C-alpha atoms as a PDB file:
ATOM      1  CA  MET A   1     121.609  86.548  94.612  1.00  0.00           C
ATOM      2  CA  ASN A   2     118.907  89.219  93.135  1.00  0.00           C
ATOM      3  CA  ARG A   3     118.172  86.804  89.968  1.00  0.00           C
ATOM      4  CA  PHE A   4     117.485  83.982  92.264  1.00  0.00           C
ATOM      5  CA  ARG A   5     115.250  86.740  94.313  1.00  0.00           C
ATOM      6  CA  ASN A   6     112.950  86.962  90.930  1.00  0.00           C
ATOM      7  CA  LEU A   7     112.542  82.886  90.504  1.00  0.00           C
ATOM      8  CA  VAL A   8     111.914  82.400  93.787  1.00  0.00           C
ATOM      9  CA  LEU A   9     108.311  82.015  93.258  1.00  0.00           C
ATOM     10  CA  PRO A  10     107.989  81.112  89.820  1.00  0.00           C
ATOM     11  CA  ILE A  11     109.982  78.212  91.068  1.00  0.00           C
ATOM     12  CA  ALA A  12     107.906  77.486  94.803  1.00  0.00           C
ATOM     13  CA  ILE A  13     104.169  77.793  92.178  1.00  0.00           C
ATOM     14  CA  VAL A  14     105.864  74.950  89.663  1.00  0.00           C
ATOM     15  CA  LEU A  15     107.330  72.750  92.555  1.00  0.00           C
ATOM     16  CA  GLY A  16     104.060  72.854  94.375  1.00  0.00           C
ATOM     17  CA  LEU A  17     102.084  72.325  91.326  1.00  0.00           C
ATOM     18  CA  ILE A  18     103.956  68.986  91.361  1.00  0.00           C
ATOM     19  CA  PHE A  19     104.696  67.996  94.923  1.00  0.00           C
ATOM     20  CA  HIS A  20     101.471  69.109  96.514  1.00  0.00           C
ATOM     21  CA  SER A  21     100.825  66.109  98.095  1.00  0.00           C
ATOM     22  CA  TYR A  22     103.470  65.642  99.940  1.00  0.00           C
ATOM     23  CA  CYS A  23     103.493  69.232 100.974  1.00  0.00           C
ATOM     24  CA  ARG A  24     101.051  68.129 103.356  1.00  0.00           C
ATOM     25  CA  THR A  25     103.895  65.995 105.379  1.00  0.00           C
ATOM     26  CA  LEU A  26     105.839  69.116 104.988  1.00  0.00           C
ATOM     27  CA  GLN A  27     103.195  71.583 106.734  1.00  0.00           C
ATOM     28  CA  VAL A  28     105.201  70.724 110.246  1.00  0.00           C
ATOM     29  CA  CYS A  29     108.458  72.338 109.056  1.00  0.00           C
ATOM     30  CA  VAL A  30     106.892  75.587 108.760  1.00  0.00           C
ATOM     31  CA  PRO A  31     106.702  76.736 111.770  1.00  0.00           C
ATOM     32  CA  TYR A  32     110.240  76.369 112.457  1.00  0.00           C
ATOM     33  CA  LEU A  33     111.109  77.901 109.497  1.00  0.00           C
ATOM     34  CA  ILE A  34     108.534  80.794 110.835  1.00  0.00           C
ATOM     35  CA  PHE A  35     110.388  80.809 114.078  1.00  0.00           C
ATOM     36  CA  THR A  36     113.896  80.572 112.550  1.00  0.00           C
ATOM     37  CA  ILE A  37     112.728  83.040 110.447  1.00  0.00           C
ATOM     38  CA  LEU A  38     111.820  85.501 112.693  1.00  0.00           C
ATOM     39  CA  LEU A  39     114.449  84.912 115.216  1.00  0.00           C
ATOM     40  CA  LEU A  40     116.994  86.072 112.546  1.00  0.00           C
ATOM     41  CA  ASN A  41     114.904  89.418 111.871  1.00  0.00           C
ATOM     42  CA  PHE A  42     114.653  89.582 115.723  1.00  0.00           C
ATOM     43  CA  VAL A  43     117.684  89.392 116.646  1.00  0.00           C
ATOM     44  CA  ALA A  44     118.843  92.358 114.094  1.00  0.00           C
ATOM     45  CA  THR A  45     116.162  94.401 115.715  1.00  0.00           C
ATOM     46  CA  ASP A  46     116.428  96.799 118.650  1.00  0.00           C
ATOM     47  CA  ILE A  47     114.148  95.363 120.634  1.00  0.00           C
ATOM     48  CA  LYS A  48     114.104  98.627 123.041  1.00  0.00           C
ATOM     49  CA  LYS A  49     113.139 100.828 119.919  1.00  0.00           C
ATOM     50  CA  LEU A  50     109.993  99.073 119.291  1.00  0.00           C
ATOM     51  CA  ARG A  51     106.865 101.348 119.602  1.00  0.00           C
ATOM     52  CA  PHE A  52     103.070 100.825 118.873  1.00  0.00           C
ATOM     53  CA  THR A  53     102.633 104.076 116.896  1.00  0.00           C
ATOM     54  CA  ALA A  54      99.393 106.176 115.173  1.00  0.00           C
ATOM     55  CA  MET A  55     100.134 103.572 112.115  1.00  0.00           C
ATOM     56  CA  ASP A  56      99.749 100.937 113.806  1.00  0.00           C
ATOM     57  CA  ALA A  57      96.625 102.189 115.084  1.00  0.00           C
ATOM     58  CA  LEU A  58      95.416 103.218 111.366  1.00  0.00           C
ATOM     59  CA  LEU A  59      96.325 100.348 110.277  1.00  0.00           C
ATOM     60  CA  MET A  60      94.721  97.990 112.583  1.00  0.00           C
ATOM     61  CA  LEU A  61      91.409  99.660 112.280  1.00  0.00           C
ATOM     62  CA  VAL A  62      91.402  99.681 108.615  1.00  0.00           C
ATOM     63  CA  GLN A  63      91.856  96.124 108.874  1.00  0.00           C
ATOM     64  CA  VAL A  64      88.757  94.761 111.238  1.00  0.00           C
ATOM     65  CA  SER A  65      86.427  98.045 110.113  1.00  0.00           C
ATOM     66  CA  LEU A  66      87.270  96.258 106.019  1.00  0.00           C
ATOM     67  CA  SER A  67      86.164  93.036 107.247  1.00  0.00           C
ATOM     68  CA  LEU A  68      83.488  93.707 109.724  1.00  0.00           C
ATOM     69  CA  GLY A  69      81.739  95.637 107.397  1.00  0.00           C
ATOM     70  CA  ILE A  70      82.366  94.220 103.787  1.00  0.00           C
ATOM     71  CA  TYR A  71      80.567  90.923 105.904  1.00  0.00           C
ATOM     72  CA  ILE A  72      78.037  92.591 107.083  1.00  0.00           C
ATOM     73  CA  ILE A  73      77.027  94.235 103.353  1.00  0.00           C
ATOM     74  CA  LEU A  74      77.681  91.169 101.942  1.00  0.00           C
ATOM     75  CA  ALA A  75      75.074  89.361 104.539  1.00  0.00           C
ATOM     76  CA  PHE A  76      72.625  92.143 104.207  1.00  0.00           C
ATOM     77  CA  CYS A  77      72.406  91.591 100.245  1.00  0.00           C
ATOM     78  CA  GLY A  78      71.791  87.775 100.791  1.00  0.00           C
ATOM     79  CA  VAL A  79      75.704  87.044  99.121  1.00  0.00           C
ATOM     80  CA  ASP A  80      76.073  83.445  99.360  1.00  0.00           C
ATOM     81  CA  GLU A  81      77.291  82.811 103.183  1.00  0.00           C
ATOM     82  CA  ILE A  82      81.197  80.802 102.228  1.00  0.00           C
ATOM     83  CA  VAL A  83      81.656  83.906 100.067  1.00  0.00           C
ATOM     84  CA  SER A  84      81.024  86.058 103.016  1.00  0.00           C
ATOM     85  CA  GLN A  85      83.001  84.371 105.413  1.00  0.00           C
ATOM     86  CA  GLY A  86      85.722  84.112 103.153  1.00  0.00           C
ATOM     87  CA  VAL A  87      85.978  88.108 103.348  1.00  0.00           C
ATOM     88  CA  LEU A  88      85.223  88.544 106.438  1.00  0.00           C
ATOM     89  CA  VAL A  89      88.689  85.647 107.783  1.00  0.00           C
ATOM     90  CA  GLY A  90      90.420  86.379 104.678  1.00  0.00           C
ATOM     91  CA  VAL A  91      90.465  90.252 105.276  1.00  0.00           C
ATOM     92  CA  LEU A  92      90.376  90.083 109.329  1.00  0.00           C
ATOM     93  CA  CYS A  93      93.980  87.703 109.292  1.00  0.00           C
ATOM     94  CA  PRO A  94      96.648  88.644 110.636  1.00  0.00           C
ATOM     95  CA  VAL A  95     100.109  90.412 108.763  1.00  0.00           C
ATOM     96  CA  ALA A  96     102.164  87.113 107.780  1.00  0.00           C
ATOM     97  CA  ALA A  97     105.438  86.437 110.185  1.00  0.00           C
ATOM     98  CA  SER A  98     107.224  86.152 106.993  1.00  0.00           C
ATOM     99  CA  VAL A  99     106.937  90.258 105.837  1.00  0.00           C
ATOM    100  CA  VAL A 100     109.621  91.228 107.815  1.00  0.00           C
ATOM    101  CA  VAL A 101     112.235  89.583 105.408  1.00  0.00           C
ATOM    102  CA  ILE A 102     110.022  90.972 102.326  1.00  0.00           C
ATOM    103  CA  SER A 103     109.593  94.427 103.640  1.00  0.00           C
ATOM    104  CA  CYS A 104     113.214  94.846 104.990  1.00  0.00           C
ATOM    105  CA  MET A 105     114.635  93.492 101.209  1.00  0.00           C
ATOM    106  CA  LEU A 106     111.845  96.251  99.927  1.00  0.00           C
ATOM    107  CA  GLY A 107     113.623  98.919 102.191  1.00  0.00           C
ATOM    108  CA  ALA A 108     111.060  99.255 105.347  1.00  0.00           C
ATOM    109  CA  ASN A 109     112.186 100.502 108.702  1.00  0.00           C
ATOM    110  CA  ARG A 110     112.660  97.071 110.559  1.00  0.00           C
ATOM    111  CA  GLU A 111     111.437  97.774 113.687  1.00  0.00           C
ATOM    112  CA  THR A 112     107.869  99.379 112.136  1.00  0.00           C
ATOM    113  CA  VAL A 113     107.371  96.333 110.554  1.00  0.00           C
ATOM    114  CA  THR A 114     108.640  93.748 113.432  1.00  0.00           C
ATOM    115  CA  ALA A 115     106.331  95.661 116.265  1.00  0.00           C
ATOM    116  CA  TYR A 116     102.916  95.580 114.132  1.00  0.00           C
ATOM    117  CA  THR A 117     103.496  92.151 113.478  1.00  0.00           C
ATOM    118  CA  ILE A 118     103.625  91.438 117.022  1.00  0.00           C
ATOM    119  CA  PHE A 119     100.616  93.532 118.173  1.00  0.00           C
ATOM    120  CA  ASP A 120      98.503  92.844 115.141  1.00  0.00           C
ATOM    121  CA  ASN A 121      98.844  89.250 115.423  1.00  0.00           C
ATOM    122  CA  LEU A 122      97.391  90.082 119.342  1.00  0.00           C
ATOM    123  CA  LEU A 123      95.094  92.020 118.073  1.00  0.00           C
ATOM    124  CA  VAL A 124      93.356  89.019 116.080  1.00  0.00           C
ATOM    125  CA  ALA A 125      94.241  86.899 118.837  1.00  0.00           C
ATOM    126  CA  VAL A 126      91.988  88.161 120.892  1.00  0.00           C
ATOM    127  CA  LEU A 127      89.271  89.972 118.673  1.00  0.00           C
ATOM    128  CA  ALA A 128      88.979  86.924 116.439  1.00  0.00           C
ATOM    129  CA  PRO A 129      87.439  84.330 119.159  1.00  0.00           C
ATOM    130  CA  VAL A 130      84.821  87.568 119.603  1.00  0.00           C
ATOM    131  CA  LEU A 131      83.542  87.652 116.505  1.00  0.00           C
ATOM    132  CA  PHE A 132      83.611  83.959 115.597  1.00  0.00           C
ATOM    133  CA  SER A 133      81.072  83.670 118.914  1.00  0.00           C
ATOM    134  CA  PHE A 134      78.546  85.329 116.740  1.00  0.00           C
ATOM    135  CA  VAL A 135      79.504  83.752 112.931  1.00  0.00           C
ATOM    136  CA  GLY A 136      80.237  80.517 112.177  1.00  0.00           C
ATOM    137  CA  GLU A 137      79.641  76.736 113.259  1.00  0.00           C
ATOM    138  CA  HIS A 138      80.750  76.868 116.211  1.00  0.00           C
ATOM    139  CA  GLN A 139      79.097  80.122 117.942  1.00  0.00           C
ATOM    140  CA  ASP A 140      78.679  77.881 121.016  1.00  0.00           C
ATOM    141  CA  MET A 141      82.344  77.773 121.598  1.00  0.00           C
ATOM    142  CA  PRO A 142      83.035  79.966 124.943  1.00  0.00           C
ATOM    143  CA  PHE A 143      85.571  82.831 124.314  1.00  0.00           C
ATOM    144  CA  GLY A 144      88.383  81.398 126.889  1.00  0.00           C
ATOM    145  CA  GLU A 145      88.563  77.809 124.866  1.00  0.00           C
ATOM    146  CA  SER A 146      88.499  79.567 121.296  1.00  0.00           C
ATOM    147  CA  PHE A 147      91.092  82.555 122.698  1.00  0.00           C
ATOM    148  CA  LEU A 148      93.160  79.883 123.596  1.00  0.00           C
ATOM    149  CA  LEU A 149      93.154  77.643 120.665  1.00  0.00           C
ATOM    150  CA  ILE A 150      94.389  80.867 118.444  1.00  0.00           C
ATOM    151  CA  ILE A 151      97.128  82.019 120.957  1.00  0.00           C
ATOM    152  CA  ARG A 152      98.362  78.407 120.811  1.00  0.00           C
ATOM    153  CA  ARG A 153      98.762  78.920 116.808  1.00  0.00           C
ATOM    154  CA  VAL A 154     100.270  82.060 116.826  1.00  0.00           C
ATOM    155  CA  GLY A 155     101.817  82.540 120.179  1.00  0.00           C
ATOM    156  CA  PRO A 156     105.256  80.063 120.272  1.00  0.00           C
ATOM    157  CA  ILE A 157     105.699  80.951 116.048  1.00  0.00           C
ATOM    158  CA  ILE A 158     105.864  85.014 116.989  1.00  0.00           C
ATOM    159  CA  GLY A 159     105.855  85.246 120.696  1.00  0.00           C
ATOM    160  CA  LEU A 160     108.857  82.809 121.833  1.00  0.00           C
ATOM    161  CA  PRO A 161     111.373  84.066 118.736  1.00  0.00           C
ATOM    162  CA  PHE A 162     110.713  87.505 120.482  1.00  0.00           C
ATOM    163  CA  PHE A 163     111.434  86.383 123.265  1.00  0.00           C
ATOM    164  CA  VAL A 164     114.152  84.494 122.819  1.00  0.00           C
ATOM    165  CA  ALA A 165     116.355  87.092 120.750  1.00  0.00           C
ATOM    166  CA  TRP A 166     115.280  90.419 123.937  1.00  0.00           C
ATOM    167  CA  LEU A 167     117.000  87.622 125.820  1.00  0.00           C
ATOM    168  CA  MET A 168     119.622  87.229 124.016  1.00  0.00           C
ATOM    169  CA  GLN A 169     120.080  90.825 123.534  1.00  0.00           C
ATOM    170  CA  SER A 170     120.208  91.255 127.167  1.00  0.00           C
ATOM    171  CA  LEU A 171     122.042  88.402 128.129  1.00  0.00           C
ATOM    172  CA  LEU A 172     124.395  86.895 125.430  1.00  0.00           C
ATOM    173  CA  PRO A 173     125.013  90.098 123.298  1.00  0.00           C
ATOM    174  CA  LYS A 174     127.926  88.026 121.703  1.00  0.00           C
ATOM    175  CA  THR A 175     125.350  85.227 120.846  1.00  0.00           C
ATOM    176  CA  ASN A 176     123.305  87.692 119.662  1.00  0.00           C
ATOM    177  CA  ALA A 177     126.109  89.735 117.208  1.00  0.00           C
ATOM    178  CA  PHE A 178     126.728  86.401 116.171  1.00  0.00           C
ATOM    179  CA  LEU A 179     123.659  85.413 114.677  1.00  0.00           C
ATOM    180  CA  VAL A 180     123.281  88.740 113.155  1.00  0.00           C
ATOM    181  CA  ARG A 181     125.755  88.018 110.894  1.00  0.00           C
ATOM    182  CA  TYR A 182     123.422  85.222 109.453  1.00  0.00           C
ATOM    183  CA  ARG A 183     119.797  86.846 108.973  1.00  0.00           C
ATOM    184  CA  GLY A 184     120.781  87.015 105.438  1.00  0.00           C
ATOM    185  CA  LEU A 185     119.676  82.874 105.541  1.00  0.00           C
ATOM    186  CA  SER A 186     116.063  84.016 106.335  1.00  0.00           C
ATOM    187  CA  PHE A 187     115.462  84.388 102.473  1.00  0.00           C
ATOM    188  CA  TYR A 188     116.104  81.303 101.730  1.00  0.00           C
ATOM    189  CA  LEU A 189     113.900  79.717 104.767  1.00  0.00           C
ATOM    190  CA  TRP A 190     111.439  81.823 103.332  1.00  0.00           C
ATOM    191  CA  ALA A 191     111.791  80.185  99.991  1.00  0.00           C
ATOM    192  CA  MET A 192     111.738  76.979 101.473  1.00  0.00           C
ATOM    193  CA  ALA A 193     108.745  78.063 103.434  1.00  0.00           C
ATOM    194  CA  LEU A 194     106.758  79.506 100.592  1.00  0.00           C
ATOM    195  CA  PHE A 195     107.390  76.201  99.116  1.00  0.00           C
ATOM    196  CA  ILE A 196     105.650  74.492 100.875  1.00  0.00           C
ATOM    197  CA  THR A 197     102.779  77.046 102.267  1.00  0.00           C
ATOM    198  CA  LEU A 198     102.020  77.325  98.465  1.00  0.00           C
ATOM    199  CA  GLY A 199     101.991  73.310  97.741  1.00  0.00           C
ATOM    200  CA  GLN A 200      99.412  72.908 100.948  1.00  0.00           C
ATOM    201  CA  THR A 201      97.507  75.934  98.980  1.00  0.00           C
ATOM    202  CA  ILE A 202      97.033  74.050  95.472  1.00  0.00           C
ATOM    203  CA  ASP A 203      96.326  70.971  97.124  1.00  0.00           C
ATOM    204  CA  PHE A 204      93.959  72.221  99.387  1.00  0.00           C
ATOM    205  CA  ILE A 205      92.185  74.022  96.703  1.00  0.00           C
ATOM    206  CA  ILE A 206      92.543  70.515  94.335  1.00  0.00           C
ATOM    207  CA  LEU A 207      90.656  68.878  97.054  1.00  0.00           C
ATOM    208  CA  LYS A 208      88.072  71.682  97.573  1.00  0.00           C
ATOM    209  CA  GLY A 209      87.481  72.775  94.204  1.00  0.00           C
ATOM    210  CA  GLU A 210      85.131  69.966  93.121  1.00  0.00           C
ATOM    211  CA  GLU A 211      82.821  70.799  95.858  1.00  0.00           C
ATOM    212  CA  ASN A 212      81.170  74.189  94.969  1.00  0.00           C
ATOM    213  CA  LEU A 213      83.339  75.102  91.835  1.00  0.00           C
ATOM    214  CA  SER A 214      81.033  79.207  91.457  1.00  0.00           C
ATOM    215  CA  SER A 215      81.943  79.956  95.122  1.00  0.00           C
ATOM    216  CA  ILE A 216      85.537  79.180  94.157  1.00  0.00           C
ATOM    217  CA  VAL A 217      85.549  81.088  91.098  1.00  0.00           C
ATOM    218  CA  ILE A 218      83.681  84.310  92.981  1.00  0.00           C
ATOM    219  CA  LEU A 219      85.973  83.883  96.077  1.00  0.00           C
ATOM    220  CA  GLY A 220      88.915  83.950  93.431  1.00  0.00           C
ATOM    221  CA  VAL A 221      87.974  87.097  91.794  1.00  0.00           C
ATOM    222  CA  VAL A 222      86.970  88.663  95.176  1.00  0.00           C
ATOM    223  CA  SER A 223      90.616  87.864  96.732  1.00  0.00           C
ATOM    224  CA  VAL A 224      91.932  89.361  93.859  1.00  0.00           C
ATOM    225  CA  LEU A 225      90.406  92.615  94.340  1.00  0.00           C
ATOM    226  CA  PHE A 226      91.281  92.497  98.437  1.00  0.00           C
ATOM    227  CA  CYS A 227      94.463  92.056  97.568  1.00  0.00           C
ATOM    228  CA  VAL A 228      94.626  95.095  95.745  1.00  0.00           C
ATOM    229  CA  VAL A 229      92.362  97.376  97.692  1.00  0.00           C
ATOM    230  CA  GLN A 230      94.965  96.308 100.914  1.00  0.00           C
ATOM    231  CA  PHE A 231      98.458  97.136  99.885  1.00  0.00           C
ATOM    232  CA  GLY A 232      97.144 100.341  97.768  1.00  0.00           C
ATOM    233  CA  VAL A 233      95.016 101.288 100.843  1.00  0.00           C
ATOM    234  CA  GLY A 234      98.265 100.349 103.101  1.00  0.00           C
ATOM    235  CA  LYS A 235     100.483 102.261 100.803  1.00  0.00           C
ATOM    236  CA  LEU A 236      98.681 105.156 101.104  1.00  0.00           C
ATOM    237  CA  ILE A 237      98.367 105.065 104.887  1.00  0.00           C
ATOM    238  CA  GLY A 238     101.836 104.430 105.142  1.00  0.00           C
ATOM    239  CA  ARG A 239     103.000 107.337 102.923  1.00  0.00           C
ATOM    240  CA  HIS A 240     101.347 109.835 105.154  1.00  0.00           C
ATOM    241  CA  TYR A 241     103.375 108.305 107.914  1.00  0.00           C
ATOM    242  CA  GLY A 242     106.622 108.355 106.119  1.00  0.00           C
ATOM    243  CA  ASP A 243     107.184 104.205 105.130  1.00  0.00           C
ATOM    244  CA  THR A 244     105.528 103.545 102.145  1.00  0.00           C
ATOM    245  CA  ILE A 245     106.658 100.200 102.053  1.00  0.00           C
ATOM    246  CA  ALA A 246     105.516  98.958 105.050  1.00  0.00           C
ATOM    247  CA  GLY A 247     102.482 100.543 104.988  1.00  0.00           C
ATOM    248  CA  GLY A 248     101.326  98.550 102.059  1.00  0.00           C
ATOM    249  CA  GLN A 249     103.013  95.103 103.550  1.00  0.00           C
ATOM    250  CA  LEU A 250     101.758  95.259 106.991  1.00  0.00           C
ATOM    251  CA  LEU A 251      98.352  96.095 105.544  1.00  0.00           C
ATOM    252  CA  GLY A 252      97.888  93.484 102.958  1.00  0.00           C
ATOM    253  CA  GLN A 253     100.599  90.448 103.509  1.00  0.00           C
ATOM    254  CA  LYS A 254      98.669  87.859 104.958  1.00  0.00           C
ATOM    255  CA  ASN A 255      98.956  84.837 107.564  1.00  0.00           C
ATOM    256  CA  SER A 256      97.378  83.004 105.236  1.00  0.00           C
ATOM    257  CA  ALA A 257      98.021  79.763 107.294  1.00  0.00           C
ATOM    258  CA  LEU A 258      96.047  81.385 109.583  1.00  0.00           C
ATOM    259  CA  GLY A 259      93.512  82.409 107.955  1.00  0.00           C
ATOM    260  CA  ILE A 260      93.384  78.751 106.490  1.00  0.00           C
ATOM    261  CA  TRP A 261      93.200  77.535 109.654  1.00  0.00           C
ATOM    262  CA  MET A 262      90.979  79.504 111.089  1.00  0.00           C
ATOM    263  CA  ALA A 263      87.910  78.795 108.203  1.00  0.00           C
ATOM    264  CA  ASN A 264      88.616  75.244 109.058  1.00  0.00           C
ATOM    265  CA  THR A 265      87.905  75.123 112.606  1.00  0.00           C
ATOM    266  CA  TYR A 266      85.221  78.396 112.717  1.00  0.00           C
ATOM    267  CA  LEU A 267      83.725  78.594 109.781  1.00  0.00           C
ATOM    268  CA  ASN A 268      82.612  76.795 106.032  1.00  0.00           C
ATOM    269  CA  PRO A 269      85.974  74.776 105.731  1.00  0.00           C
ATOM    270  CA  LEU A 270      85.050  76.254 102.157  1.00  0.00           C
ATOM    271  CA  SER A 271      85.563  79.940 102.811  1.00  0.00           C
ATOM    272  CA  ALA A 272      89.273  78.975 103.135  1.00  0.00           C
ATOM    273  CA  VAL A 273      89.480  79.053  99.484  1.00  0.00           C
ATOM    274  CA  PHE A 274      89.800  82.584 100.357  1.00  0.00           C
ATOM    275  CA  PRO A 275      93.001  83.213 101.655  1.00  0.00           C
ATOM    276  CA  ALA A 276      94.297  80.299 100.167  1.00  0.00           C
ATOM    277  CA  LEU A 277      93.785  81.668  97.323  1.00  0.00           C
ATOM    278  CA  TYR A 278      94.965  85.300  98.041  1.00  0.00           C
ATOM    279  CA  SER A 279      98.416  83.749  99.574  1.00  0.00           C
ATOM    280  CA  ILE A 280      98.883  83.559  95.758  1.00  0.00           C
ATOM    281  CA  TRP A 281      98.247  87.175  94.654  1.00  0.00           C
ATOM    282  CA  GLN A 282      99.670  88.392  97.470  1.00  0.00           C
ATOM    283  CA  ASN A 283     103.261  86.245  96.735  1.00  0.00           C
ATOM    284  CA  LEU A 284     102.705  87.161  92.824  1.00  0.00           C
ATOM    285  CA  PHE A 285     102.883  91.185  94.299  1.00  0.00           C
ATOM    286  CA  ASN A 286     105.576  90.470  96.144  1.00  0.00           C
ATOM    287  CA  SER A 287     107.605  88.635  93.687  1.00  0.00           C
ATOM    288  CA  TRP A 288     107.354  91.618  91.276  1.00  0.00           C
ATOM    289  CA  GLN A 289     107.787  93.801  93.419  1.00  0.00           C
ATOM    290  CA  LEU A 290     111.048  92.545  94.480  1.00  0.00           C
ATOM    291  CA  TRP A 291     111.939  91.998  90.833  1.00  0.00           C
ATOM    292  CA  ARG A 292     111.038  95.873  90.160  1.00  0.00           C
ATOM    293  CA  HIS A 293     113.298  96.905  93.133  1.00  0.00           C
ATOM    294  CA  ASP A 294     115.952  95.135  91.960  1.00  0.00           C
ATOM    295  CA  ARG A 295     116.099  97.033  88.885  1.00  0.00           C
ATOM    296  CA  GLN A 296     115.834  99.999  90.472  1.00  0.00           C
ATOM    297  CA  VAL A 297     118.619  99.235  92.286  1.00  0.00           C
ATOM    298  CA  GLU A 298     120.568  97.937  89.880  1.00  0.00           C
ATOM    299  CA  ASN A 299     119.966 101.795  87.765  1.00  0.00           C
END
């Protein structure tokens, strides 16, 4: 099992390179995979213990302040708008739904990670339409329409499995207990979702790379920098509140698919290269974390 975990990312990258054009067709499967992953993790979570904490508030404050602050600084300095918008959407992007799988494998508190996943996605669903009404290609889009667009993307994937798990814990405890026994399957489902997502990312970069190579290179360098910064700052915040792993994962692991969609919907489509490349860096880092964690457990 541990050896397989360490090979998941290299296998996903190789398969993504080989079959990247087919991943565009398979992308319809990803929401169902994520739904199942979250359901298997939510049923194993004591939903009554979910709370909005001081760590949640601080992580969200850093997420919003960093995205807005860097965007304003870059725009003021006359940096290419594609790069500025890429940083804005990439850093503002909410935590990935699959964060529960990796974080719990690394030893994070399940309730902490689950609560933040819900709250952070709701925050971005409300805040993003406001920001994109001042920035981007569709500044005339009404807030209500923009809000509903984003809610339709995150609501069924995150809200629905949470609601189903809550109903089962309240009304069908035996069914809930049955599903808890199979929560380990979430890792294999995550591996499948990772292959499709990375394949999409590679296909997207190949298609967009011909348009503006210099911006692609800059976005690649900047995305690496912000991946390091967000995981690092998140770990510092998490350490202060007694859960270093959760802090790093919650601030650093992004829902890149949603980021790419927001960039294509509201901003210059080329800015989507930032979250696309970021998804590769974060998964490389997560693969290394899993390898190091397994080595420490074995020793």
